[in-house]
Amino acid sequence: MIEVVLSVGTVDLLEKPTDWVWDGGRPSIDFVNTLRRKRIAPVDTIDGVEALHKWLITSGILKSSTDREPVVAAAIALRHSLDHLFEQRLEFEDISRINTWAALRPTEALTADLKIIDSVPTVSMKNALGFIAYDAMLIVKEGLLNRVRECGSHDCGLKFLDQSRGGNRQWCSMRRCGNRAKVSRHRASL
């Protein structure tokens, strides 16, 4: 089978702005990236409780759940605070919100056979959002905050954890934005 990639200008026709992307490198960054194309025409892929629930399940953070807690507004506020954290422009309200959510994360426990397990499985949307907030805190704890970057494409704005050896990654995805930039430079040189 031959896959044909069609593009018009810088818009990849095989990917809709409402599609979720998993190029962030960490769950908390992927969650921030649910607000797509924030530089040009923001598209919120979490537009209701069903979309939030589906994202949490698809991401693998929420294991299984039938609850549909009305936490969308709070989740959007958490996403906003995480975005501030990754851009290193936190306000007190952001710190408080991240700490409050992180306290709701599933915790670990040591078993008699010396294994570490989740003592509270991620079975609620609140647990899952707590896990996301805690993941962002781990980025800070692990000294990786300065490695969180924003895609260099003028129309993207997705964030990612730069894990390249030299710390000079430019694109959220070479397949998407990096390739478009290379094609654009090539066309300009013709």
C-alpha atoms as a PDB file:
ATOM      1  CA  MET A   1       0.000   0.000   0.000  1.00  0.00           C
ATOM      2  CA  ILE A   2       1.309   3.451  -0.901  1.00  0.00           C
ATOM      3  CA  GLU A   3       0.532   6.295   1.454  1.00  0.00           C
ATOM      4  CA  VAL A   4       0.203   9.682  -0.144  1.00  0.00           C
ATOM      5  CA  VAL A   5       0.706  12.738   2.022  1.00  0.00           C
ATOM      6  CA  LEU A   6      -1.173  15.728   0.743  1.00  0.00           C
ATOM      7  CA  SER A   7      -0.463  19.198   1.955  1.00  0.00           C
ATOM      8  CA  VAL A   8      -1.710  22.645   1.166  1.00  0.00           C
ATOM      9  CA  GLY A   9       0.637  25.344   2.378  1.00  0.00           C
ATOM     10  CA  THR A  10       1.514  24.220   5.871  1.00  0.00           C
ATOM     11  CA  VAL A  11      -1.683  22.324   6.657  1.00  0.00           C
ATOM     12  CA  ASP A  12      -1.300  18.551   6.690  1.00  0.00           C
ATOM     13  CA  LEU A  13      -4.550  17.165   5.314  1.00  0.00           C
ATOM     14  CA  LEU A  14      -4.035  13.785   6.975  1.00  0.00           C
ATOM     15  CA  GLU A  15      -4.167  15.289  10.442  1.00  0.00           C
ATOM     16  CA  LYS A  16      -7.058  17.334  11.704  1.00  0.00           C
ATOM     17  CA  PRO A  17      -6.450  19.985  14.351  1.00  0.00           C
ATOM     18  CA  THR A  18      -8.866  18.054  16.578  1.00  0.00           C
ATOM     19  CA  ASP A  19      -6.660  14.932  16.494  1.00  0.00           C
ATOM     20  CA  TRP A  20      -4.718  14.157  19.638  1.00  0.00           C
ATOM     21  CA  VAL A  21      -0.960  14.012  19.355  1.00  0.00           C
ATOM     22  CA  TRP A  22       1.394  12.112  21.629  1.00  0.00           C
ATOM     23  CA  ASP A  23       4.716  13.787  20.849  1.00  0.00           C
ATOM     24  CA  GLY A  24       5.165  15.566  24.191  1.00  0.00           C
ATOM     25  CA  GLY A  25       7.284  12.857  25.769  1.00  0.00           C
ATOM     26  CA  ARG A  26       5.410  13.024  29.083  1.00  0.00           C
ATOM     27  CA  PRO A  27       1.702  12.692  29.960  1.00  0.00           C
ATOM     28  CA  SER A  28       1.492  16.211  31.408  1.00  0.00           C
ATOM     29  CA  ILE A  29       2.936  17.713  28.222  1.00  0.00           C
ATOM     30  CA  ASP A  30       0.599  15.650  26.045  1.00  0.00           C
ATOM     31  CA  PHE A  31      -2.282  16.967  28.160  1.00  0.00           C
ATOM     32  CA  VAL A  32      -1.188  20.576  27.586  1.00  0.00           C
ATOM     33  CA  ASN A  33      -1.074  19.740  23.870  1.00  0.00           C
ATOM     34  CA  THR A  34      -4.819  19.049  23.856  1.00  0.00           C
ATOM     35  CA  LEU A  35      -5.091  22.752  23.058  1.00  0.00           C
ATOM     36  CA  ARG A  36      -3.936  22.674  19.438  1.00  0.00           C
ATOM     37  CA  ARG A  37      -2.701  25.456  17.173  1.00  0.00           C
ATOM     38  CA  LYS A  38      -2.735  27.980  19.969  1.00  0.00           C
ATOM     39  CA  ARG A  39      -0.576  30.416  17.982  1.00  0.00           C
ATOM     40  CA  ILE A  40      -2.979  30.924  15.093  1.00  0.00           C
ATOM     41  CA  ALA A  41      -6.495  29.626  15.740  1.00  0.00           C
ATOM     42  CA  PRO A  42      -6.724  27.626  18.961  1.00  0.00           C
ATOM     43  CA  VAL A  43      -8.638  24.360  18.803  1.00  0.00           C
ATOM     44  CA  ASP A  44      -9.576  22.737  22.097  1.00  0.00           C
ATOM     45  CA  THR A  45      -9.755  18.962  21.718  1.00  0.00           C
ATOM     46  CA  ILE A  46     -11.210  18.645  25.222  1.00  0.00           C
ATOM     47  CA  ASP A  47     -14.604  20.132  24.484  1.00  0.00           C
ATOM     48  CA  GLY A  48     -16.638  18.214  27.034  1.00  0.00           C
ATOM     49  CA  VAL A  49     -16.662  15.466  29.622  1.00  0.00           C
ATOM     50  CA  GLU A  50     -16.811  12.688  26.994  1.00  0.00           C
ATOM     51  CA  ALA A  51     -13.763  14.067  25.153  1.00  0.00           C
ATOM     52  CA  LEU A  52     -11.824  14.373  28.433  1.00  0.00           C
ATOM     53  CA  HIS A  53     -12.776  10.827  29.435  1.00  0.00           C
ATOM     54  CA  LYS A  54     -11.798   9.465  26.019  1.00  0.00           C
ATOM     55  CA  TRP A  55      -8.432  11.318  26.091  1.00  0.00           C
ATOM     56  CA  LEU A  56      -7.638   9.962  29.572  1.00  0.00           C
ATOM     57  CA  ILE A  57      -8.497   6.396  28.466  1.00  0.00           C
ATOM     58  CA  THR A  58      -6.632   6.711  25.132  1.00  0.00           C
ATOM     59  CA  SER A  59      -3.560   8.119  26.872  1.00  0.00           C
ATOM     60  CA  GLY A  60      -3.481   5.075  29.135  1.00  0.00           C
ATOM     61  CA  ILE A  61      -3.657   7.186  32.285  1.00  0.00           C
ATOM     62  CA  LEU A  62      -7.216   6.213  33.157  1.00  0.00           C
ATOM     63  CA  LYS A  63      -7.351   2.425  33.287  1.00  0.00           C
ATOM     64  CA  SER A  64     -11.092   1.909  33.204  1.00  0.00           C
ATOM     65  CA  SER A  65     -13.920   3.979  34.396  1.00  0.00           C
ATOM     66  CA  THR A  66     -17.597   4.418  33.896  1.00  0.00           C
ATOM     67  CA  ASP A  67     -17.744   7.685  35.794  1.00  0.00           C
ATOM     68  CA  ARG A  68     -18.078  10.923  33.920  1.00  0.00           C
ATOM     69  CA  GLU A  69     -17.216  13.397  36.636  1.00  0.00           C
ATOM     70  CA  PRO A  70     -18.027  17.007  35.792  1.00  0.00           C
ATOM     71  CA  VAL A  71     -14.402  18.124  35.987  1.00  0.00           C
ATOM     72  CA  VAL A  72     -13.897  19.604  32.526  1.00  0.00           C
ATOM     73  CA  ALA A  73     -13.656  23.246  33.655  1.00  0.00           C
ATOM     74  CA  ALA A  74     -11.207  22.259  36.398  1.00  0.00           C
ATOM     75  CA  ALA A  75      -9.216  20.131  33.929  1.00  0.00           C
ATOM     76  CA  ILE A  76      -8.970  23.064  31.517  1.00  0.00           C
ATOM     77  CA  ALA A  77      -7.784  25.285  34.385  1.00  0.00           C
ATOM     78  CA  LEU A  78      -5.177  22.638  35.290  1.00  0.00           C
ATOM     79  CA  ARG A  79      -4.036  22.519  31.662  1.00  0.00           C
ATOM     80  CA  HIS A  80      -3.653  26.308  31.708  1.00  0.00           C
ATOM     81  CA  SER A  81      -1.560  26.137  34.906  1.00  0.00           C
ATOM     82  CA  LEU A  82       0.627  23.370  33.467  1.00  0.00           C
ATOM     83  CA  ASP A  83       1.170  25.482  30.368  1.00  0.00           C
ATOM     84  CA  HIS A  84       2.310  28.333  32.631  1.00  0.00           C
ATOM     85  CA  LEU A  85       4.649  25.932  34.440  1.00  0.00           C
ATOM     86  CA  PHE A  86       6.222  24.718  31.193  1.00  0.00           C
ATOM     87  CA  GLU A  87       6.621  28.307  30.001  1.00  0.00           C
ATOM     88  CA  GLN A  88       8.104  29.167  33.420  1.00  0.00           C
ATOM     89  CA  ARG A  89       5.672  31.986  34.069  1.00  0.00           C
ATOM     90  CA  LEU A  90       3.827  30.632  37.086  1.00  0.00           C
ATOM     91  CA  GLU A  91       1.521  32.606  39.299  1.00  0.00           C
ATOM     92  CA  PHE A  92       0.571  31.625  42.850  1.00  0.00           C
ATOM     93  CA  GLU A  93      -2.808  30.353  41.639  1.00  0.00           C
ATOM     94  CA  ASP A  94      -1.052  27.978  39.210  1.00  0.00           C
ATOM     95  CA  ILE A  95       1.167  26.532  41.942  1.00  0.00           C
ATOM     96  CA  SER A  96      -1.801  26.043  44.238  1.00  0.00           C
ATOM     97  CA  ARG A  97      -3.842  24.369  41.486  1.00  0.00           C
ATOM     98  CA  ILE A  98      -1.034  21.978  40.494  1.00  0.00           C
ATOM     99  CA  ASN A  99      -0.390  21.031  44.149  1.00  0.00           C
ATOM    100  CA  THR A 100      -4.096  20.486  44.815  1.00  0.00           C
ATOM    101  CA  TRP A 101      -4.482  18.193  41.812  1.00  0.00           C
ATOM    102  CA  ALA A 102      -1.220  16.314  42.485  1.00  0.00           C
ATOM    103  CA  ALA A 103      -2.521  15.417  45.942  1.00  0.00           C
ATOM    104  CA  LEU A 104      -5.320  13.455  44.242  1.00  0.00           C
ATOM    105  CA  ARG A 105      -2.951  11.203  42.304  1.00  0.00           C
ATOM    106  CA  PRO A 106      -2.848   7.488  42.850  1.00  0.00           C
ATOM    107  CA  THR A 107      -0.251   6.611  45.448  1.00  0.00           C
ATOM    108  CA  GLU A 108       2.206   3.755  45.594  1.00  0.00           C
ATOM    109  CA  ALA A 109       2.516   1.112  48.280  1.00  0.00           C
ATOM    110  CA  LEU A 110       5.131  -1.448  49.188  1.00  0.00           C
ATOM    111  CA  THR A 111       3.917  -5.042  49.314  1.00  0.00           C
ATOM    112  CA  ALA A 112       5.150  -7.873  51.583  1.00  0.00           C
ATOM    113  CA  ASP A 113       7.109  -9.349  48.670  1.00  0.00           C
ATOM    114  CA  LEU A 114       8.956  -6.017  48.243  1.00  0.00           C
ATOM    115  CA  LYS A 115       7.167  -4.855  45.122  1.00  0.00           C
ATOM    116  CA  ILE A 116       5.799  -1.388  44.615  1.00  0.00           C
ATOM    117  CA  ILE A 117       2.228  -1.223  43.398  1.00  0.00           C
ATOM    118  CA  ASP A 118      -0.406   1.441  42.984  1.00  0.00           C
ATOM    119  CA  SER A 119      -2.368   1.336  46.201  1.00  0.00           C
ATOM    120  CA  VAL A 120      -5.104   3.417  44.638  1.00  0.00           C
ATOM    121  CA  PRO A 121      -5.589   2.510  40.983  1.00  0.00           C
ATOM    122  CA  THR A 122      -6.272   5.289  38.529  1.00  0.00           C
ATOM    123  CA  VAL A 123      -9.982   4.642  38.235  1.00  0.00           C
ATOM    124  CA  SER A 124     -11.450   8.120  38.450  1.00  0.00           C
ATOM    125  CA  MET A 125     -10.998  11.154  36.297  1.00  0.00           C
ATOM    126  CA  LYS A 126      -9.801  13.068  39.364  1.00  0.00           C
ATOM    127  CA  ASN A 127      -7.111  10.422  40.023  1.00  0.00           C
ATOM    128  CA  ALA A 128      -6.023  10.671  36.400  1.00  0.00           C
ATOM    129  CA  LEU A 129      -5.795  14.458  36.483  1.00  0.00           C
ATOM    130  CA  GLY A 130      -3.865  14.156  39.758  1.00  0.00           C
ATOM    131  CA  PHE A 131      -1.427  11.833  38.003  1.00  0.00           C
ATOM    132  CA  ILE A 132      -0.982  14.424  35.223  1.00  0.00           C
ATOM    133  CA  ALA A 133      -0.285  17.203  37.738  1.00  0.00           C
ATOM    134  CA  TYR A 134       2.188  14.992  39.590  1.00  0.00           C
ATOM    135  CA  ASP A 135       3.949  14.109  36.330  1.00  0.00           C
ATOM    136  CA  ALA A 136       4.518  17.827  35.752  1.00  0.00           C
ATOM    137  CA  MET A 137       5.961  18.106  39.258  1.00  0.00           C
ATOM    138  CA  LEU A 138       8.330  15.234  38.443  1.00  0.00           C
ATOM    139  CA  ILE A 139       9.566  17.136  35.393  1.00  0.00           C
ATOM    140  CA  VAL A 140      10.608  19.916  37.764  1.00  0.00           C
ATOM    141  CA  LYS A 141      12.048  17.482  40.337  1.00  0.00           C
ATOM    142  CA  GLU A 142      14.081  15.667  37.663  1.00  0.00           C
ATOM    143  CA  GLY A 143      15.567  18.962  36.463  1.00  0.00           C
ATOM    144  CA  LEU A 144      13.914  18.706  33.049  1.00  0.00           C
ATOM    145  CA  LEU A 145      11.857  21.899  33.048  1.00  0.00           C
ATOM    146  CA  ASN A 146      14.448  23.711  30.926  1.00  0.00           C
ATOM    147  CA  ARG A 147      14.128  20.895  28.383  1.00  0.00           C
ATOM    148  CA  VAL A 148      10.424  21.540  27.753  1.00  0.00           C
ATOM    149  CA  ARG A 149      10.267  23.291  24.395  1.00  0.00           C
ATOM    150  CA  GLU A 150       7.650  24.703  22.082  1.00  0.00           C
ATOM    151  CA  CYS A 151       7.640  23.601  18.465  1.00  0.00           C
ATOM    152  CA  GLY A 152       9.573  25.911  16.164  1.00  0.00           C
ATOM    153  CA  SER A 153       6.867  25.871  13.494  1.00  0.00           C
ATOM    154  CA  HIS A 154       5.141  29.245  13.196  1.00  0.00           C
ATOM    155  CA  ASP A 155       1.670  27.680  13.174  1.00  0.00           C
ATOM    156  CA  CYS A 156       2.045  24.839  15.690  1.00  0.00           C
ATOM    157  CA  GLY A 157       2.816  25.682  19.319  1.00  0.00           C
ATOM    158  CA  LEU A 158       2.835  22.105  20.643  1.00  0.00           C
ATOM    159  CA  LYS A 159       5.191  21.454  23.534  1.00  0.00           C
ATOM    160  CA  PHE A 160       7.621  18.561  23.905  1.00  0.00           C
ATOM    161  CA  LEU A 161      10.358  17.317  26.195  1.00  0.00           C
ATOM    162  CA  ASP A 162      13.643  17.711  24.326  1.00  0.00           C
ATOM    163  CA  GLN A 163      15.501  14.484  25.034  1.00  0.00           C
ATOM    164  CA  SER A 164      18.045  14.960  22.255  1.00  0.00           C
ATOM    165  CA  ARG A 165      21.688  14.633  23.255  1.00  0.00           C
ATOM    166  CA  GLY A 166      22.522  18.236  22.376  1.00  0.00           C
ATOM    167  CA  GLY A 167      19.244  19.655  23.652  1.00  0.00           C
ATOM    168  CA  ASN A 168      18.570  21.363  20.329  1.00  0.00           C
ATOM    169  CA  ARG A 169      15.411  19.677  19.033  1.00  0.00           C
ATOM    170  CA  GLN A 170      13.226  22.214  17.202  1.00  0.00           C
ATOM    171  CA  TRP A 171      10.056  20.399  16.187  1.00  0.00           C
ATOM    172  CA  CYS A 172       7.293  18.646  18.058  1.00  0.00           C
ATOM    173  CA  SER A 173       7.529  15.983  15.388  1.00  0.00           C
ATOM    174  CA  MET A 174       9.890  15.648  12.468  1.00  0.00           C
ATOM    175  CA  ARG A 175       7.115  13.815  10.603  1.00  0.00           C
ATOM    176  CA  ARG A 176       4.768  16.762  10.912  1.00  0.00           C
ATOM    177  CA  CYS A 177       6.365  20.155  11.493  1.00  0.00           C
ATOM    178  CA  GLY A 178      10.009  19.356  10.771  1.00  0.00           C
ATOM    179  CA  ASN A 179       9.166  17.881   7.389  1.00  0.00           C
ATOM    180  CA  ARG A 180       6.958  20.845   6.466  1.00  0.00           C
ATOM    181  CA  ALA A 181       9.778  23.256   7.355  1.00  0.00           C
ATOM    182  CA  LYS A 182      12.248  21.312   5.207  1.00  0.00           C
ATOM    183  CA  VAL A 183       9.837  21.263   2.269  1.00  0.00           C
ATOM    184  CA  SER A 184       9.175  24.984   2.684  1.00  0.00           C
ATOM    185  CA  ARG A 185      12.922  25.780   2.711  1.00  0.00           C
ATOM    186  CA  HIS A 186      13.437  23.603  -0.348  1.00  0.00           C
ATOM    187  CA  ARG A 187      10.622  25.305  -2.260  1.00  0.00           C
ATOM    188  CA  ALA A 188      11.999  28.732  -1.326  1.00  0.00           C
ATOM    189  CA  SER A 189      15.408  27.756  -2.689  1.00  0.00           C
ATOM    190  CA  LEU A 190      13.988  26.832  -6.115  1.00  0.00           C
END
